[in-house]
């Protein structure tokens, strides 16, 4: 009981964060995307009324850390935090973080403030890279579709050419059949040949010199 009374009279300083927990700073990000690293010291006094069953140091550290992160996040720029670090203390202290704990928070002092990474810029860069990858993937899809369409059109042209060749191959057979059935005479055949030759000659004469 004497120890509890002595603790309730003598304040205790708690490092926030506790280095033993594997973290050296509490990191928050201001609205301008700049990270701010903070070390704080919380001065507490044991609250005898809540000593039994009340939350211990870990809860105080967690609550103060959360309050610091929230306060930094509500700052318009990181410069505001650097210019008045005591505003963090006042804001966090006003939140009544010792409710339900075994301690009464006497003060919250900011021991160190440093500027960290430009988280906003990193996120924008990552988003830009993601957008670039998406655009490249979409461009590749369009290119593959264009190649597939081109191959399809080539196949159609080849198919039509094959049909033309097949139709041309049937012409001599049709002429021979016309001779056998008496529908086409020899003079008619010669006249048709002369017309075709005359047509080819006229076409050649009408073409420009650079196409001959």
C-alpha atoms as a PDB file:
ATOM      1  CA  UNK A   1       0.000   0.000   0.000  1.00  0.00           C
ATOM      2  CA  UNK A   2       2.904   2.325   0.828  1.00  0.00           C
ATOM      3  CA  UNK A   3       4.365   1.661  -2.644  1.00  0.00           C
ATOM      4  CA  UNK A   4       1.042   2.501  -4.301  1.00  0.00           C
ATOM      5  CA  UNK A   5       0.793   5.698  -2.285  1.00  0.00           C
ATOM      6  CA  UNK A   6       4.345   6.673  -3.197  1.00  0.00           C
ATOM      7  CA  UNK A   7       3.655   5.998  -6.905  1.00  0.00           C
ATOM      8  CA  UNK A   8       0.517   8.063  -6.758  1.00  0.00           C
ATOM      9  CA  UNK A   9       2.529  10.989  -5.410  1.00  0.00           C
ATOM     10  CA  UNK A  10       5.642  10.655  -7.564  1.00  0.00           C
ATOM     11  CA  UNK A  11       4.946  11.186 -11.281  1.00  0.00           C
ATOM     12  CA  UNK A  12       6.237   8.693 -13.838  1.00  0.00           C
ATOM     13  CA  UNK A  13       7.448   9.408 -17.371  1.00  0.00           C
ATOM     14  CA  UNK A  14       6.390   7.016 -20.141  1.00  0.00           C
ATOM     15  CA  UNK A  15       8.168   7.110 -23.502  1.00  0.00           C
ATOM     16  CA  UNK A  16       5.773   7.092 -26.429  1.00  0.00           C
ATOM     17  CA  UNK A  17       6.414   4.982 -28.340  1.00  0.00           C
ATOM     18  CA  UNK A  18       8.228   2.572 -26.095  1.00  0.00           C
ATOM     19  CA  UNK A  19      11.517   1.534 -27.806  1.00  0.00           C
ATOM     20  CA  UNK A  20      11.037  -1.974 -26.404  1.00  0.00           C
ATOM     21  CA  UNK A  21       7.958  -2.309 -28.627  1.00  0.00           C
ATOM     22  CA  UNK A  22      10.139  -2.099 -31.758  1.00  0.00           C
ATOM     23  CA  UNK A  23       9.184   1.415 -32.822  1.00  0.00           C
ATOM     24  CA  UNK A  24      11.300   4.519 -32.421  1.00  0.00           C
ATOM     25  CA  UNK A  25       8.760   7.155 -33.525  1.00  0.00           C
ATOM     26  CA  UNK A  26       5.045   7.714 -33.995  1.00  0.00           C
ATOM     27  CA  UNK A  27       4.467   8.415 -37.683  1.00  0.00           C
ATOM     28  CA  UNK A  28       1.590  10.500 -39.001  1.00  0.00           C
ATOM     29  CA  UNK A  29       0.850  12.062 -42.380  1.00  0.00           C
ATOM     30  CA  UNK A  30      -0.383  15.637 -42.742  1.00  0.00           C
ATOM     31  CA  UNK A  31      -2.961  16.605 -45.351  1.00  0.00           C
ATOM     32  CA  UNK A  32      -0.222  17.715 -47.757  1.00  0.00           C
ATOM     33  CA  UNK A  33       1.099  14.140 -47.863  1.00  0.00           C
ATOM     34  CA  UNK A  34       4.279  14.751 -45.837  1.00  0.00           C
ATOM     35  CA  UNK A  35       5.083  12.271 -43.095  1.00  0.00           C
ATOM     36  CA  UNK A  36       5.919  13.595 -39.622  1.00  0.00           C
ATOM     37  CA  UNK A  37       7.809  11.486 -37.065  1.00  0.00           C
ATOM     38  CA  UNK A  38       7.194  12.289 -33.423  1.00  0.00           C
ATOM     39  CA  UNK A  39       8.598  11.162 -30.086  1.00  0.00           C
ATOM     40  CA  UNK A  40       6.628  12.048 -26.970  1.00  0.00           C
ATOM     41  CA  UNK A  41       6.978  11.697 -23.234  1.00  0.00           C
ATOM     42  CA  UNK A  42       3.872  11.237 -21.143  1.00  0.00           C
ATOM     43  CA  UNK A  43       4.001  12.174 -17.485  1.00  0.00           C
ATOM     44  CA  UNK A  44       1.481  10.199 -15.456  1.00  0.00           C
ATOM     45  CA  UNK A  45       0.492   9.608 -11.855  1.00  0.00           C
ATOM     46  CA  UNK A  46      -1.150   6.495 -10.545  1.00  0.00           C
ATOM     47  CA  UNK A  47      -4.856   6.871  -9.930  1.00  0.00           C
ATOM     48  CA  UNK A  48      -5.565   4.862  -6.789  1.00  0.00           C
ATOM     49  CA  UNK A  49      -9.297   4.716  -7.488  1.00  0.00           C
ATOM     50  CA  UNK A  50      -8.606   2.887 -10.773  1.00  0.00           C
ATOM     51  CA  UNK A  51      -5.362   1.146  -9.863  1.00  0.00           C
ATOM     52  CA  UNK A  52      -7.014  -2.248  -9.636  1.00  0.00           C
ATOM     53  CA  UNK A  53      -8.478  -3.322 -12.985  1.00  0.00           C
ATOM     54  CA  UNK A  54      -7.477  -0.133 -14.800  1.00  0.00           C
ATOM     55  CA  UNK A  55      -5.602  -0.085 -18.091  1.00  0.00           C
ATOM     56  CA  UNK A  56      -1.832  -0.020 -17.780  1.00  0.00           C
ATOM     57  CA  UNK A  57       1.056   1.713 -19.615  1.00  0.00           C
ATOM     58  CA  UNK A  58       0.516  -0.075 -22.935  1.00  0.00           C
ATOM     59  CA  UNK A  59      -2.971   1.417 -23.170  1.00  0.00           C
ATOM     60  CA  UNK A  60      -1.685   4.913 -22.425  1.00  0.00           C
ATOM     61  CA  UNK A  61       1.014   4.547 -25.099  1.00  0.00           C
ATOM     62  CA  UNK A  62      -1.514   3.276 -27.648  1.00  0.00           C
ATOM     63  CA  UNK A  63      -4.033   6.045 -26.895  1.00  0.00           C
ATOM     64  CA  UNK A  64      -1.427   8.802 -27.013  1.00  0.00           C
ATOM     65  CA  UNK A  65       0.014   7.393 -30.227  1.00  0.00           C
ATOM     66  CA  UNK A  66      -3.414   7.309 -31.829  1.00  0.00           C
ATOM     67  CA  UNK A  67      -4.077  10.875 -30.689  1.00  0.00           C
ATOM     68  CA  UNK A  68      -0.774  12.099 -32.137  1.00  0.00           C
ATOM     69  CA  UNK A  69      -1.421  10.402 -35.491  1.00  0.00           C
ATOM     70  CA  UNK A  70      -4.930  11.886 -35.647  1.00  0.00           C
ATOM     71  CA  UNK A  71      -3.665  15.347 -34.772  1.00  0.00           C
ATOM     72  CA  UNK A  72      -0.937  15.232 -37.419  1.00  0.00           C
ATOM     73  CA  UNK A  73      -3.459  13.960 -39.956  1.00  0.00           C
ATOM     74  CA  UNK A  74      -5.756  16.908 -39.308  1.00  0.00           C
ATOM     75  CA  UNK A  75      -2.958  19.453 -39.878  1.00  0.00           C
ATOM     76  CA  UNK A  76      -3.130  21.260 -43.222  1.00  0.00           C
ATOM     77  CA  UNK A  77       0.637  20.936 -43.793  1.00  0.00           C
ATOM     78  CA  UNK A  78       3.596  19.389 -42.037  1.00  0.00           C
ATOM     79  CA  UNK A  79       4.933  22.914 -41.435  1.00  0.00           C
ATOM     80  CA  UNK A  80       2.086  23.580 -39.013  1.00  0.00           C
ATOM     81  CA  UNK A  81       3.222  20.624 -36.907  1.00  0.00           C
ATOM     82  CA  UNK A  82       6.872  21.687 -37.011  1.00  0.00           C
ATOM     83  CA  UNK A  83       6.078  25.288 -36.121  1.00  0.00           C
ATOM     84  CA  UNK A  84       3.934  24.445 -33.099  1.00  0.00           C
ATOM     85  CA  UNK A  85       4.562  20.926 -31.803  1.00  0.00           C
ATOM     86  CA  UNK A  86       3.000  21.965 -28.511  1.00  0.00           C
ATOM     87  CA  UNK A  87      -0.348  22.044 -30.321  1.00  0.00           C
ATOM     88  CA  UNK A  88      -0.096  18.262 -30.564  1.00  0.00           C
ATOM     89  CA  UNK A  89       0.338  18.033 -26.807  1.00  0.00           C
ATOM     90  CA  UNK A  90      -2.605  20.307 -26.104  1.00  0.00           C
ATOM     91  CA  UNK A  91      -4.913  18.566 -28.572  1.00  0.00           C
ATOM     92  CA  UNK A  92      -4.045  15.068 -27.384  1.00  0.00           C
ATOM     93  CA  UNK A  93      -4.213  16.007 -23.716  1.00  0.00           C
ATOM     94  CA  UNK A  94      -7.660  17.530 -24.187  1.00  0.00           C
ATOM     95  CA  UNK A  95      -9.051  14.201 -25.425  1.00  0.00           C
ATOM     96  CA  UNK A  96      -9.097  12.668 -21.942  1.00  0.00           C
ATOM     97  CA  UNK A  97      -7.029   9.625 -22.880  1.00  0.00           C
ATOM     98  CA  UNK A  98      -6.618   8.492 -19.276  1.00  0.00           C
ATOM     99  CA  UNK A  99     -10.283   7.544 -18.898  1.00  0.00           C
ATOM    100  CA  UNK A 100     -10.552   3.991 -17.589  1.00  0.00           C
ATOM    101  CA  UNK A 101      -6.813   3.642 -17.067  1.00  0.00           C
ATOM    102  CA  UNK A 102      -4.797   3.194 -13.899  1.00  0.00           C
ATOM    103  CA  UNK A 103      -3.058   6.522 -14.520  1.00  0.00           C
ATOM    104  CA  UNK A 104      -3.828  10.197 -14.566  1.00  0.00           C
ATOM    105  CA  UNK A 105      -2.044  11.986 -17.416  1.00  0.00           C
ATOM    106  CA  UNK A 106      -0.358  15.109 -16.107  1.00  0.00           C
ATOM    107  CA  UNK A 107       1.327  16.271 -19.304  1.00  0.00           C
ATOM    108  CA  UNK A 108       2.294  15.197 -22.805  1.00  0.00           C
ATOM    109  CA  UNK A 109       5.581  16.649 -24.030  1.00  0.00           C
ATOM    110  CA  UNK A 110       6.845  16.376 -27.592  1.00  0.00           C
ATOM    111  CA  UNK A 111      10.480  15.315 -27.294  1.00  0.00           C
ATOM    112  CA  UNK A 112      11.352  15.276 -31.003  1.00  0.00           C
ATOM    113  CA  UNK A 113       9.752  16.071 -34.356  1.00  0.00           C
ATOM    114  CA  UNK A 114      11.242  15.087 -37.720  1.00  0.00           C
ATOM    115  CA  UNK A 115      10.056  15.220 -41.297  1.00  0.00           C
ATOM    116  CA  UNK A 116       9.737  11.824 -42.960  1.00  0.00           C
ATOM    117  CA  UNK A 117       8.861  10.722 -46.475  1.00  0.00           C
ATOM    118  CA  UNK A 118       6.629  12.464 -48.947  1.00  0.00           C
ATOM    119  CA  UNK A 119       3.946   9.802 -48.714  1.00  0.00           C
ATOM    120  CA  UNK A 120       1.581  11.728 -50.983  1.00  0.00           C
ATOM    121  CA  UNK A 121       4.168  11.870 -53.775  1.00  0.00           C
ATOM    122  CA  UNK A 122       4.939   8.176 -53.378  1.00  0.00           C
ATOM    123  CA  UNK A 123       1.266   7.321 -53.621  1.00  0.00           C
ATOM    124  CA  UNK A 124       0.885   9.512 -56.698  1.00  0.00           C
ATOM    125  CA  UNK A 125       3.921   7.850 -58.275  1.00  0.00           C
ATOM    126  CA  UNK A 126       2.553   4.416 -57.501  1.00  0.00           C
ATOM    127  CA  UNK A 127      -0.835   5.419 -58.951  1.00  0.00           C
ATOM    128  CA  UNK A 128       0.862   6.792 -62.063  1.00  0.00           C
ATOM    129  CA  UNK A 129       2.770   3.524 -62.511  1.00  0.00           C
ATOM    130  CA  UNK A 130      -0.452   1.566 -62.046  1.00  0.00           C
ATOM    131  CA  UNK A 131      -2.228   3.748 -64.621  1.00  0.00           C
ATOM    132  CA  UNK A 132       0.712   3.297 -66.992  1.00  0.00           C
ATOM    133  CA  UNK A 133       0.561  -0.479 -66.620  1.00  0.00           C
ATOM    134  CA  UNK A 134      -3.185  -0.450 -67.231  1.00  0.00           C
ATOM    135  CA  UNK A 135      -2.756   1.750 -70.324  1.00  0.00           C
ATOM    136  CA  UNK A 136      -0.004  -0.535 -71.645  1.00  0.00           C
ATOM    137  CA  UNK A 137      -2.162  -3.592 -71.084  1.00  0.00           C
ATOM    138  CA  UNK A 138      -5.101  -1.960 -72.869  1.00  0.00           C
ATOM    139  CA  UNK A 139      -2.829  -0.886 -75.745  1.00  0.00           C
ATOM    140  CA  UNK A 140      -1.529  -4.453 -76.028  1.00  0.00           C
ATOM    141  CA  UNK A 141      -5.095  -5.756 -76.131  1.00  0.00           C
ATOM    142  CA  UNK A 142      -5.955  -3.292 -78.922  1.00  0.00           C
ATOM    143  CA  UNK A 143      -2.776  -4.216 -80.822  1.00  0.00           C
ATOM    144  CA  UNK A 144      -3.524  -7.924 -80.525  1.00  0.00           C
ATOM    145  CA  UNK A 145      -7.088  -7.296 -81.716  1.00  0.00           C
ATOM    146  CA  UNK A 146      -5.787  -5.284 -84.682  1.00  0.00           C
ATOM    147  CA  UNK A 147      -3.332  -8.055 -85.590  1.00  0.00           C
ATOM    148  CA  UNK A 148      -6.094 -10.645 -85.337  1.00  0.00           C
ATOM    149  CA  UNK A 149      -8.363  -8.531 -87.557  1.00  0.00           C
ATOM    150  CA  UNK A 150      -5.564  -8.073 -90.078  1.00  0.00           C
ATOM    151  CA  UNK A 151      -4.947 -11.812 -90.225  1.00  0.00           C
ATOM    152  CA  UNK A 152      -8.667 -12.397 -90.628  1.00  0.00           C
ATOM    153  CA  UNK A 153      -8.821  -9.964 -93.543  1.00  0.00           C
ATOM    154  CA  UNK A 154      -5.780 -11.604 -95.159  1.00  0.00           C
ATOM    155  CA  UNK A 155      -7.485 -14.973 -94.821  1.00  0.00           C
ATOM    156  CA  UNK A 156     -10.656 -13.566 -96.424  1.00  0.00           C
ATOM    157  CA  UNK A 157      -8.672 -12.100 -99.344  1.00  0.00           C
ATOM    158  CA  UNK A 158      -6.947 -15.430 -99.881  1.00  0.00           C
ATOM    159  CA  UNK A 159     -10.315 -17.161 -99.752  1.00  0.00           C
ATOM    160  CA  UNK A 160     -11.753 -14.804-102.372  1.00  0.00           C
ATOM    161  CA  UNK A 161      -8.676 -15.233-104.556  1.00  0.00           C
ATOM    162  CA  UNK A 162      -9.098 -18.979-104.340  1.00  0.00           C
ATOM    163  CA  UNK A 163     -12.720 -18.624-105.436  1.00  0.00           C
ATOM    164  CA  UNK A 164     -11.656 -16.428-108.384  1.00  0.00           C
ATOM    165  CA  UNK A 165      -9.052 -19.001-109.456  1.00  0.00           C
ATOM    166  CA  UNK A 166     -11.640 -21.759-109.154  1.00  0.00           C
ATOM    167  CA  UNK A 167     -14.106 -19.741-111.252  1.00  0.00           C
ATOM    168  CA  UNK A 168     -11.433 -19.014-113.877  1.00  0.00           C
ATOM    169  CA  UNK A 169     -10.642 -22.729-114.054  1.00  0.00           C
ATOM    170  CA  UNK A 170     -14.282 -23.434-114.954  1.00  0.00           C
ATOM    171  CA  UNK A 171     -14.259 -21.058-117.956  1.00  0.00           C
ATOM    172  CA  UNK A 172     -12.421 -23.460-120.360  1.00  0.00           C
ATOM    173  CA  UNK A 173     -14.688 -26.270-119.241  1.00  0.00           C
ATOM    174  CA  UNK A 174     -17.744 -24.132-119.944  1.00  0.00           C
ATOM    175  CA  UNK A 175     -16.384 -23.184-123.398  1.00  0.00           C
ATOM    176  CA  UNK A 176     -15.671 -26.829-124.214  1.00  0.00           C
ATOM    177  CA  UNK A 177     -19.173 -27.775-123.108  1.00  0.00           C
ATOM    178  CA  UNK A 178     -20.601 -24.964-125.275  1.00  0.00           C
ATOM    179  CA  UNK A 179     -18.678 -26.344-128.301  1.00  0.00           C
ATOM    180  CA  UNK A 180     -19.987 -29.842-127.688  1.00  0.00           C
ATOM    181  CA  UNK A 181     -23.571 -28.704-127.275  1.00  0.00           C
ATOM    182  CA  UNK A 182     -23.420 -26.482-130.349  1.00  0.00           C
ATOM    183  CA  UNK A 183     -24.152 -23.314-128.393  1.00  0.00           C
ATOM    184  CA  UNK A 184     -20.799 -21.799-129.353  1.00  0.00           C
ATOM    185  CA  UNK A 185     -19.352 -21.874-132.846  1.00  0.00           C
ATOM    186  CA  UNK A 186     -15.715 -21.498-133.868  1.00  0.00           C
ATOM    187  CA  UNK A 187     -16.252 -18.024-135.337  1.00  0.00           C
ATOM    188  CA  UNK A 188     -18.022 -16.902-132.174  1.00  0.00           C
ATOM    189  CA  UNK A 189     -15.033 -18.101-130.172  1.00  0.00           C
ATOM    190  CA  UNK A 190     -12.572 -16.176-132.365  1.00  0.00           C
ATOM    191  CA  UNK A 191     -14.699 -13.032-132.080  1.00  0.00           C
ATOM    192  CA  UNK A 192     -14.693 -13.362-128.278  1.00  0.00           C
ATOM    193  CA  UNK A 193     -10.915 -13.751-128.292  1.00  0.00           C
ATOM    194  CA  UNK A 194     -10.555 -10.668-130.507  1.00  0.00           C
ATOM    195  CA  UNK A 195     -12.787  -8.619-128.187  1.00  0.00           C
ATOM    196  CA  UNK A 196     -10.744  -9.655-125.161  1.00  0.00           C
ATOM    197  CA  UNK A 197      -7.477  -8.822-126.927  1.00  0.00           C
ATOM    198  CA  UNK A 198      -8.820  -5.452-128.081  1.00  0.00           C
ATOM    199  CA  UNK A 199     -10.026  -4.659-124.549  1.00  0.00           C
ATOM    200  CA  UNK A 200      -6.605  -5.535-123.067  1.00  0.00           C
ATOM    201  CA  UNK A 201      -4.859  -3.346-125.661  1.00  0.00           C
ATOM    202  CA  UNK A 202      -7.124  -0.344-124.978  1.00  0.00           C
ATOM    203  CA  UNK A 203      -6.552  -0.743-121.249  1.00  0.00           C
ATOM    204  CA  UNK A 204      -2.804  -0.760-121.757  1.00  0.00           C
ATOM    205  CA  UNK A 205      -2.905   2.374-123.936  1.00  0.00           C
ATOM    206  CA  UNK A 206      -5.075   4.249-121.446  1.00  0.00           C
ATOM    207  CA  UNK A 207      -2.745   3.625-118.504  1.00  0.00           C
ATOM    208  CA  UNK A 208      -0.265   6.431-117.554  1.00  0.00           C
ATOM    209  CA  UNK A 209       3.365   5.931-118.478  1.00  0.00           C
ATOM    210  CA  UNK A 210       4.498   5.512-114.846  1.00  0.00           C
ATOM    211  CA  UNK A 211       2.169   2.541-114.390  1.00  0.00           C
ATOM    212  CA  UNK A 212       3.242   0.644-117.501  1.00  0.00           C
END
